[in-house]
Amino acid sequence: MGWFNRGPVVPVLRLSGAIGMAAPLRPGLSITALAGPIERAFSMSRAKSVAVVVNSPGGSPVQSSLLFRRLRQLAEEKDKRLYVFCEDVAASGGYYVALAGDEIHADASSIVGSIGVISASFGLDKAIEKLGIERRVYTAGANKGALDPFQPEKADDIERLKAVQRNVHDVFIGVVKDRRQGRLKGADGELFSGAFWSATDALDLGLIDGISDVRTRMREVHGPNVRLRAVPIERGWLAAWFRRLPSTGGGGGGEAPRPGLAFADDLVSAVEIRALWSRFGL
């Protein structure tokens, strides 16, 4: 009898990590890695619902936009309702992706928002001057060396960067206003300041629709017999990282990878990703 009482299957796609950024132990989120799993999420069940769990501090605005658009395109093509659930954090690009949901829910302790654009670096020109190091840069194009961290800042470079940030921010704001139309309750100056909030405050501001989790909400929608099925995501990052190590065999014929440079690149990426999460106390 239990066989005939089985409920509908709701695919659950889990998106966890920084967007467009990856390190050996922190696989990132990108349209290249997730196009297949997103397609499967909308094809593996006849149920009219797809659930996406987002746990991301943000990252690349382009990858955020591409993921958002792919989710919306498939939701509309397959005529399915998309439910998004925020875990620890759905901030900046993470919230951009969450906007694909027809409904957005979060845990009471989730962090939501950070609707803004940030660019950060270090100024090392005084440090190399103290060390007696001379920086030599040759370019074709007057602005090719703009914002070089080893050279003093220039007012024109800063203004150009801020103009780009304003354009990207305007796009983000437009998506928020379109997707949360009629539900936003805060003033623009507050909502789009780059601030982030707990889920309860985000609910008051209209950034999310409820305080819930994927199992609770899907039972409310489809009944107690609903079955949640995880959508598999292949993580090929570790194999790719090991492929960069030099071969121990002979006769390879090509130039061996340079593990020192690969390790340094991975280390920088890991620090950047760690900084993203740390902004939200995670």
Protein backbone atom coordinates (compact mmCIF):
# COMPACT_ATOMS: atom_id res chain seq x y z
CA MET A 1 0.00 0.00 0.00
CA GLY A 2 2.91 2.37 0.78
CA TRP A 3 3.94 2.27 -2.89
CA PHE A 4 0.65 3.83 -4.04
CA ASN A 5 0.85 6.58 -1.38
CA ARG A 6 4.14 7.95 -2.65
CA GLY A 7 3.99 11.68 -3.19
CA PRO A 8 5.36 13.89 -5.93
CA VAL A 9 9.11 14.28 -6.41
CA VAL A 10 10.50 17.80 -6.08
CA PRO A 11 14.08 18.26 -7.40
CA VAL A 12 16.37 20.17 -5.03
CA LEU A 13 19.37 21.94 -6.55
CA ARG A 14 21.94 23.12 -4.02
CA LEU A 15 24.09 26.12 -5.00
CA SER A 16 26.80 26.63 -2.41
CA GLY A 17 29.98 28.67 -2.77
CA ALA A 18 31.34 31.91 -4.12
CA ILE A 19 30.15 32.82 -7.61
CA GLY A 20 32.70 32.69 -10.41
CA MET A 21 35.54 31.96 -7.96
CA ALA A 22 37.07 28.59 -7.07
CA ALA A 23 39.85 27.12 -4.96
CA PRO A 24 40.83 23.45 -4.43
CA LEU A 25 38.65 23.07 -1.35
CA ARG A 26 36.02 25.67 -2.30
CA PRO A 27 34.44 24.88 -5.68
CA GLY A 28 32.77 27.94 -7.11
CA LEU A 29 29.48 28.52 -8.91
CA SER A 30 29.41 29.27 -12.64
CA ILE A 31 27.11 28.72 -15.59
CA THR A 32 29.67 26.37 -17.16
CA ALA A 33 29.62 24.04 -14.16
CA LEU A 34 25.90 24.33 -13.44
CA ALA A 35 24.17 24.45 -16.83
CA GLY A 36 23.73 20.66 -16.85
CA PRO A 37 22.45 20.33 -13.25
CA ILE A 38 20.03 23.23 -13.78
CA GLU A 39 18.64 21.52 -16.89
CA ARG A 40 18.24 18.26 -14.96
CA ALA A 41 16.45 20.01 -12.10
CA PHE A 42 13.70 21.12 -14.48
CA SER A 43 13.47 17.78 -16.32
CA MET A 44 13.71 15.05 -13.69
CA SER A 45 10.17 15.26 -12.31
CA ARG A 46 6.61 15.91 -13.41
CA ALA A 47 5.98 17.97 -10.31
CA LYS A 48 5.26 21.64 -10.99
CA SER A 49 7.87 22.76 -8.45
CA VAL A 50 11.65 23.03 -8.41
CA ALA A 51 13.55 23.99 -5.25
CA VAL A 52 16.91 25.76 -5.23
CA VAL A 53 18.95 26.14 -2.05
CA VAL A 54 21.35 29.10 -2.14
CA ASN A 55 24.30 29.53 0.20
CA SER A 56 26.60 32.15 -1.31
CA PRO A 57 28.28 35.41 -0.28
CA GLY A 58 28.37 36.56 -3.91
CA GLY A 59 31.17 37.02 -6.41
CA SER A 60 31.09 37.63 -10.15
CA PRO A 61 28.14 39.84 -11.25
CA VAL A 62 28.26 38.32 -14.74
CA GLN A 63 28.04 34.72 -13.51
CA SER A 64 25.30 35.75 -11.08
CA SER A 65 23.31 37.20 -13.96
CA LEU A 66 23.86 34.15 -16.17
CA LEU A 67 22.72 31.76 -13.44
CA PHE A 68 19.70 33.94 -12.67
CA ARG A 69 18.66 34.06 -16.32
CA ARG A 70 19.08 30.33 -16.91
CA LEU A 71 16.91 29.53 -13.90
CA ARG A 72 14.20 31.95 -15.01
CA GLN A 73 14.29 30.80 -18.64
CA LEU A 74 13.78 27.16 -17.68
CA ALA A 75 11.11 27.96 -15.09
CA GLU A 76 9.12 29.74 -17.79
CA GLU A 77 9.82 27.20 -20.56
CA LYS A 78 8.87 24.24 -18.35
CA ASP A 79 5.99 26.11 -16.67
CA LYS A 80 7.26 25.32 -13.19
CA ARG A 81 7.24 27.34 -10.01
CA LEU A 82 10.69 27.98 -8.62
CA TYR A 83 11.17 28.09 -4.85
CA VAL A 84 14.46 29.46 -3.49
CA PHE A 85 15.68 28.81 0.04
CA CYS A 86 18.52 30.84 1.57
CA GLU A 87 20.80 29.01 3.99
CA ASP A 88 23.63 30.76 5.90
CA VAL A 89 23.86 33.64 3.46
CA ALA A 90 22.35 34.83 0.19
CA ALA A 91 24.12 38.12 -0.26
CA SER A 92 25.23 40.25 -3.20
CA GLY A 93 25.48 37.85 -6.16
CA GLY A 94 23.96 35.13 -3.97
CA TYR A 95 20.83 37.24 -3.55
CA TYR A 96 20.91 38.06 -7.29
CA VAL A 97 20.62 34.32 -8.00
CA ALA A 98 17.90 33.94 -5.34
CA LEU A 99 15.82 36.54 -7.20
CA ALA A 100 15.12 33.88 -9.83
CA GLY A 101 12.67 32.34 -7.36
CA ASP A 102 8.92 32.87 -7.59
CA GLU A 103 9.15 32.60 -3.82
CA ILE A 104 12.20 33.25 -1.62
CA HIS A 105 12.38 31.80 1.88
CA ALA A 106 15.14 31.82 4.47
CA ASP A 107 15.98 30.53 7.92
CA ALA A 108 15.43 33.08 10.68
CA SER A 109 19.22 33.29 11.14
CA SER A 110 20.07 33.63 7.45
CA ILE A 111 21.83 36.74 6.14
CA VAL A 112 20.20 38.35 3.11
CA GLY A 113 20.83 41.39 0.93
CA SER A 114 24.05 43.30 0.25
CA ILE A 115 22.62 44.79 -2.93
CA GLY A 116 25.68 46.67 -4.06
CA VAL A 117 28.97 46.44 -5.92
CA ILE A 118 32.43 46.34 -4.38
CA SER A 119 35.99 46.39 -5.70
CA ALA A 120 38.91 46.02 -3.30
CA SER A 121 42.67 45.92 -3.65
CA PHE A 122 45.85 47.05 -1.89
CA GLY A 123 48.09 50.05 -2.51
CA LEU A 124 51.68 48.82 -2.52
CA ASP A 125 53.45 51.78 -4.10
CA LYS A 126 54.85 53.09 -0.80
CA ALA A 127 55.96 49.62 0.26
CA ILE A 128 58.06 49.00 -2.85
CA GLU A 129 59.48 52.53 -2.59
CA LYS A 130 60.75 51.74 0.91
CA LEU A 131 62.28 48.53 -0.38
CA GLY A 132 64.06 50.38 -3.17
CA ILE A 133 62.07 48.62 -5.90
CA GLU A 134 61.39 50.51 -9.10
CA ARG A 135 58.14 49.65 -10.90
CA ARG A 136 58.44 49.69 -14.72
CA VAL A 137 55.25 49.53 -16.77
CA TYR A 138 55.00 49.97 -20.55
CA THR A 139 51.60 50.13 -22.22
CA ALA A 140 49.99 50.80 -25.57
CA GLY A 141 46.92 52.71 -24.50
CA ALA A 142 46.92 55.52 -21.96
CA ASN A 143 44.64 53.74 -19.49
CA LYS A 144 45.97 50.20 -19.83
CA GLY A 145 47.79 50.39 -16.50
CA ALA A 146 44.88 51.91 -14.59
CA LEU A 147 44.56 50.95 -10.91
CA ASP A 148 47.93 49.21 -10.82
CA PRO A 149 48.39 48.49 -7.07
CA PHE A 150 52.13 49.21 -7.35
CA GLN A 151 51.56 52.76 -8.58
CA PRO A 152 49.88 55.75 -6.85
CA GLU A 153 46.14 56.09 -7.41
CA LYS A 154 44.89 58.54 -10.02
CA ALA A 155 41.62 60.45 -9.63
CA ASP A 156 40.56 59.70 -13.22
CA ASP A 157 41.06 55.94 -12.68
CA ILE A 158 38.98 55.99 -9.51
CA GLU A 159 36.13 57.88 -11.17
CA ARG A 160 36.18 55.50 -14.13
CA LEU A 161 35.93 52.51 -11.78
CA LYS A 162 33.08 54.11 -9.85
CA ALA A 163 31.21 54.76 -13.09
CA VAL A 164 31.47 51.07 -13.98
CA GLN A 165 30.29 50.15 -10.47
CA ARG A 166 27.29 52.48 -10.79
CA ASN A 167 26.29 50.82 -14.06
CA VAL A 168 26.54 47.32 -12.59
CA HIS A 169 24.67 48.46 -9.47
CA ASP A 170 21.87 49.93 -11.61
CA VAL A 171 21.45 46.58 -13.37
CA PHE A 172 21.24 44.79 -10.00
CA ILE A 173 18.70 47.31 -8.69
CA GLY A 174 16.61 46.88 -11.82
CA VAL A 175 16.46 43.12 -11.35
CA VAL A 176 15.47 43.50 -7.69
CA LYS A 177 12.68 45.96 -8.50
CA ASP A 178 11.39 43.80 -11.33
CA ARG A 179 11.41 40.50 -9.43
CA ARG A 180 10.15 41.94 -6.12
CA GLN A 181 7.64 44.30 -7.69
CA GLY A 182 4.86 45.17 -5.28
CA ARG A 183 6.62 43.49 -2.36
CA LEU A 184 9.46 45.89 -1.49
CA LYS A 185 8.70 48.01 1.56
CA GLY A 186 11.93 49.90 2.30
CA ALA A 187 13.26 53.11 0.80
CA ASP A 188 15.69 52.81 -2.11
CA GLY A 189 18.43 54.46 -0.08
CA GLU A 190 18.16 51.69 2.49
CA LEU A 191 17.49 48.70 0.26
CA PHE A 192 20.25 49.44 -2.25
CA SER A 193 22.93 50.74 0.10
CA GLY A 194 24.85 47.45 0.13
CA ALA A 195 23.64 46.69 3.67
CA PHE A 196 22.63 43.17 4.67
CA TRP A 197 20.04 41.96 7.14
CA SER A 198 18.84 38.97 9.10
CA ALA A 199 16.01 37.08 7.43
CA THR A 200 13.39 38.56 9.75
CA ASP A 201 14.40 42.10 8.77
CA ALA A 202 14.67 41.07 5.11
CA LEU A 203 11.09 39.80 5.34
CA ASP A 204 9.92 43.14 6.75
CA LEU A 205 11.67 44.89 3.84
CA GLY A 206 10.05 42.61 1.25
CA LEU A 207 13.30 41.04 0.08
CA ILE A 208 12.02 37.54 0.90
CA ASP A 209 8.57 35.96 1.20
CA GLY A 210 8.82 33.87 4.33
CA ILE A 211 10.79 32.19 7.09
CA SER A 212 10.93 28.51 6.23
CA ASP A 213 13.08 25.65 4.93
CA VAL A 214 12.78 23.49 1.85
CA ARG A 215 11.14 20.45 3.49
CA THR A 216 8.59 22.48 5.45
CA ARG A 217 7.55 24.62 2.50
CA MET A 218 7.35 21.73 0.04
CA ARG A 219 5.13 19.81 2.46
CA GLU A 220 2.86 22.85 2.67
CA VAL A 221 2.66 23.00 -1.13
CA HIS A 222 2.54 19.29 -2.07
CA GLY A 223 1.42 17.54 1.09
CA PRO A 224 3.20 15.35 3.67
CA ASN A 225 4.14 12.63 1.15
CA VAL A 226 6.28 14.92 -1.00
CA ARG A 227 9.71 13.50 -1.78
CA LEU A 228 12.75 15.75 -2.13
CA ARG A 229 15.38 14.52 -4.57
CA ALA A 230 18.82 16.13 -4.71
CA VAL A 231 20.09 17.08 -8.16
CA PRO A 232 23.65 15.73 -8.51
CA ILE A 233 26.38 18.25 -9.28
CA GLU A 234 29.66 16.90 -10.55
CA ARG A 235 32.65 18.54 -8.90
CA GLY A 236 35.61 18.13 -11.21
CA TRP A 237 37.72 20.76 -9.45
CA LEU A 238 39.96 18.32 -7.55
CA ALA A 239 40.88 16.28 -10.59
CA ALA A 240 41.60 19.45 -12.54
CA TRP A 241 43.83 20.71 -9.74
CA PHE A 242 45.83 17.49 -9.61
CA ARG A 243 46.25 17.54 -13.38
CA ARG A 244 48.29 20.71 -12.93
CA LEU A 245 50.88 18.81 -10.90
CA PRO A 246 53.98 17.59 -12.78
CA SER A 247 53.83 14.08 -14.16
CA THR A 248 55.96 11.43 -12.43
CA GLY A 249 56.18 9.41 -15.62
CA GLY A 250 58.66 9.90 -18.44
CA GLY A 251 58.35 10.87 -22.07
CA GLY A 252 55.49 13.33 -21.71
CA GLY A 253 56.76 15.38 -24.62
CA GLY A 254 55.23 18.67 -23.43
CA GLU A 255 56.21 21.29 -20.93
CA ALA A 256 55.44 20.20 -17.36
CA PRO A 257 52.97 22.32 -15.39
CA ARG A 258 54.42 24.70 -12.85
CA PRO A 259 52.91 23.63 -9.51
CA GLY A 260 54.41 26.57 -7.64
CA LEU A 261 52.47 29.09 -9.75
CA ALA A 262 49.32 26.96 -9.60
CA PHE A 263 49.58 26.76 -5.83
CA ALA A 264 50.10 30.52 -5.53
CA ASP A 265 47.06 31.17 -7.72
CA ASP A 266 44.95 28.78 -5.64
CA LEU A 267 46.18 30.41 -2.44
CA VAL A 268 45.16 33.88 -3.62
CA SER A 269 41.76 32.55 -4.68
CA ALA A 270 41.28 30.87 -1.31
CA VAL A 271 42.09 34.12 0.52
CA GLU A 272 39.65 36.10 -1.64
CA ILE A 273 36.88 33.57 -1.09
CA ARG A 274 37.58 33.46 2.64
CA ALA A 275 37.29 37.27 2.73
CA LEU A 276 33.90 37.12 1.00
CA TRP A 277 32.48 34.74 3.61
CA SER A 278 34.12 36.63 6.49
CA ARG A 279 32.19 39.80 5.66
CA PHE A 280 29.10 38.01 6.97
CA GLY A 281 30.72 36.47 10.03
CA LEU A 282 30.98 33.03 8.44
